[in-house]
């Protein structure tokens, strides 16, 4: 159980960091990156299943989480109206 939680946190961290670099040009901090990655993993998994795309292994999970995290960060960025990181 704890091992699975640690793996999900690691996937969330990696995916969230990569997504924040792509969307914002830099990492947003470990906590924000993990949250974006975990929410992105849920969103990405849902979207990939709707499209009938299957992935396997940890790399596949990171890709799914990354795609979802990019979408999450773009939505947050649109809702925030381009506010700077310090305003968050």
Protein backbone atom coordinates (compact mmCIF):
# COMPACT_ATOMS: atom_id res chain seq x y z
CA UNK A 1 0.00 0.00 0.00
CA UNK A 2 2.67 2.50 1.01
CA UNK A 3 4.78 1.45 -1.97
CA UNK A 4 1.93 2.25 -4.38
CA UNK A 5 1.39 5.63 -2.76
CA UNK A 6 5.07 6.46 -3.13
CA UNK A 7 5.03 5.43 -6.79
CA UNK A 8 1.97 7.65 -7.46
CA UNK A 9 3.64 10.58 -5.68
CA UNK A 10 6.78 10.07 -7.76
CA UNK A 11 4.76 9.92 -10.98
CA UNK A 12 2.86 13.02 -9.91
CA UNK A 13 6.08 14.86 -9.14
CA UNK A 14 7.72 13.99 -12.45
CA UNK A 15 4.62 14.65 -14.56
CA UNK A 16 3.75 17.84 -12.70
CA UNK A 17 7.27 19.20 -12.95
CA UNK A 18 7.52 18.45 -16.67
CA UNK A 19 4.10 19.99 -17.29
CA UNK A 20 4.93 23.13 -15.30
CA UNK A 21 8.14 23.56 -17.28
CA UNK A 22 6.21 23.28 -20.55
CA UNK A 23 3.32 25.51 -19.49
CA UNK A 24 5.04 28.14 -17.36
CA UNK A 25 8.68 27.87 -18.33
CA UNK A 26 9.76 26.70 -14.87
CA UNK A 27 8.81 24.46 -11.97
CA UNK A 28 6.11 25.68 -9.59
CA UNK A 29 7.41 24.00 -6.46
CA UNK A 30 7.26 20.40 -5.34
CA UNK A 31 3.79 20.53 -3.77
CA UNK A 32 2.14 22.29 -6.73
CA UNK A 33 3.93 19.96 -9.15
CA UNK A 34 2.73 16.86 -7.30
CA UNK A 35 -0.84 18.14 -7.10
CA UNK A 36 -0.88 19.06 -10.79
CA UNK A 37 0.64 15.67 -11.66
CA UNK A 38 -1.84 13.68 -9.55
CA UNK A 39 -4.88 15.60 -10.80
CA UNK A 40 -3.40 15.38 -14.29
CA UNK A 41 -3.02 11.62 -13.93
CA UNK A 42 -6.72 11.31 -13.14
CA UNK A 43 -7.72 13.61 -15.99
CA UNK A 44 -5.25 12.04 -18.43
CA UNK A 45 -6.34 8.51 -17.51
CA UNK A 46 -9.97 9.45 -18.05
CA UNK A 47 -9.25 11.14 -21.40
CA UNK A 48 -7.02 8.32 -22.64
CA UNK A 49 -9.69 5.74 -21.74
CA UNK A 50 -12.33 7.78 -23.60
CA UNK A 51 -10.09 7.79 -26.66
CA UNK A 52 -9.37 4.07 -26.32
CA UNK A 53 -5.63 4.62 -25.81
CA UNK A 54 -3.93 2.08 -23.56
CA UNK A 55 -0.53 2.58 -21.95
CA UNK A 56 1.72 0.24 -20.04
CA UNK A 57 4.50 0.65 -17.54
CA UNK A 58 5.70 3.60 -15.55
CA UNK A 59 6.72 5.59 -18.65
CA UNK A 60 3.19 5.25 -20.02
CA UNK A 61 1.76 6.37 -16.69
CA UNK A 62 4.06 9.41 -16.65
CA UNK A 63 3.01 10.32 -20.21
CA UNK A 64 -0.67 10.08 -19.31
CA UNK A 65 -0.13 12.12 -16.14
CA UNK A 66 1.96 14.66 -18.06
CA UNK A 67 -0.73 15.20 -20.70
CA UNK A 68 -3.36 15.59 -18.01
CA UNK A 69 -1.15 17.91 -15.93
CA UNK A 70 -0.53 20.17 -18.94
CA UNK A 71 -4.29 20.42 -19.44
CA UNK A 72 -4.82 21.15 -15.72
CA UNK A 73 -2.12 23.84 -15.70
CA UNK A 74 -3.49 25.45 -18.87
CA UNK A 75 -6.96 25.59 -17.30
CA UNK A 76 -5.56 27.07 -14.08
CA UNK A 77 -3.52 29.57 -16.06
CA UNK A 78 -6.61 30.61 -18.07
CA UNK A 79 -8.69 30.98 -14.92
CA UNK A 80 -5.99 32.99 -13.15
CA UNK A 81 -5.90 35.45 -16.03
CA UNK A 82 -2.14 35.44 -16.45
CA UNK A 83 -1.31 36.41 -12.85
CA UNK A 84 2.30 35.98 -11.88
CA UNK A 85 3.54 33.05 -9.78
CA UNK A 86 3.99 35.31 -6.79
CA UNK A 87 0.30 36.18 -6.80
CA UNK A 88 -0.48 32.49 -6.30
